[in-house]
Protein backbone atom coordinates (compact mmCIF):
# COMPACT_ATOMS: atom_id res chain seq x y z
CA UNK A 1 116.70 172.72 191.92
CA UNK A 2 116.71 175.09 188.77
CA UNK A 3 112.94 175.31 188.10
CA UNK A 4 113.97 175.15 184.09
CA UNK A 5 114.44 171.15 185.16
CA UNK A 6 111.57 170.32 187.22
CA UNK A 7 109.53 172.22 185.26
CA UNK A 8 110.71 169.34 182.40
CA UNK A 9 110.77 166.44 184.37
CA UNK A 10 107.76 167.19 186.21
CA UNK A 11 105.97 167.31 182.53
CA UNK A 12 108.18 164.36 181.82
CA UNK A 13 106.54 162.04 184.64
CA UNK A 14 102.57 163.93 184.00
CA UNK A 15 102.90 162.18 180.78
CA UNK A 16 104.42 159.56 181.36
CA UNK A 17 102.16 158.48 184.51
CA UNK A 18 98.35 159.50 182.48
CA UNK A 19 99.92 158.45 178.89
CA UNK A 20 100.59 155.12 181.56
CA UNK A 21 97.68 155.40 183.89
CA UNK A 22 94.84 156.08 180.64
CA UNK A 23 96.34 153.11 178.79
CA UNK A 24 95.77 150.66 181.18
CA UNK A 25 92.89 151.87 182.33
CA UNK A 26 91.22 151.09 178.52
CA UNK A 27 93.29 148.05 178.11
CA UNK A 28 90.76 146.98 181.44
CA UNK A 29 87.21 148.05 180.18
CA UNK A 30 87.74 145.97 176.23
CA UNK A 31 89.25 143.07 178.52
CA UNK A 32 92.62 143.07 176.90
CA UNK A 33 96.08 141.84 179.10
CA UNK A 34 97.67 144.40 180.80
CA UNK A 35 100.59 142.93 179.68
CA UNK A 36 101.54 139.68 178.07
CA UNK A 37 102.22 136.36 180.68
CA UNK A 38 101.77 138.00 183.63
CA UNK A 39 98.25 137.42 185.88
CA UNK A 40 95.88 140.26 184.56
CA UNK A 41 95.51 141.52 187.84
CA UNK A 42 99.33 141.87 189.20
CA UNK A 43 100.15 143.12 185.92
CA UNK A 44 97.05 146.00 185.88
CA UNK A 45 97.79 146.41 189.66
CA UNK A 46 101.72 146.65 188.87
CA UNK A 47 101.56 148.96 186.27
CA UNK A 48 98.85 151.61 188.15
CA UNK A 49 100.91 151.36 190.36
CA UNK A 50 103.96 152.47 188.71
CA UNK A 51 101.03 155.91 187.51
CA UNK A 52 99.95 156.96 189.88
CA UNK A 53 104.33 156.85 191.41
CA UNK A 54 105.08 158.89 188.31
CA UNK A 55 101.99 160.80 188.64
CA UNK A 56 103.16 162.13 192.00
CA UNK A 57 106.70 162.06 191.21
CA UNK A 58 105.60 165.45 188.01
CA UNK A 59 103.40 166.75 191.67
CA UNK A 60 106.71 166.67 193.56
CA UNK A 61 108.45 168.90 190.93
CA UNK A 62 106.62 170.37 190.15
CA UNK A 63 105.85 172.09 194.40
CA UNK A 64 109.64 172.48 193.90
CA UNK A 65 109.51 175.43 190.93
């Protein structure tokens, strides 16, 4: 993988994962739903798993440099 595209992809994944994890945490601490029309535990779990997966993909992209 070229280093330029690996850096770009890593930054995008890291920003998305970090932002989603932060947003999910803030919504849960405020007692607000993470997603409307979905069970609160299910939506928080799915959002957290997606955020951690994005952070792991970002770390993997940075490891390819």
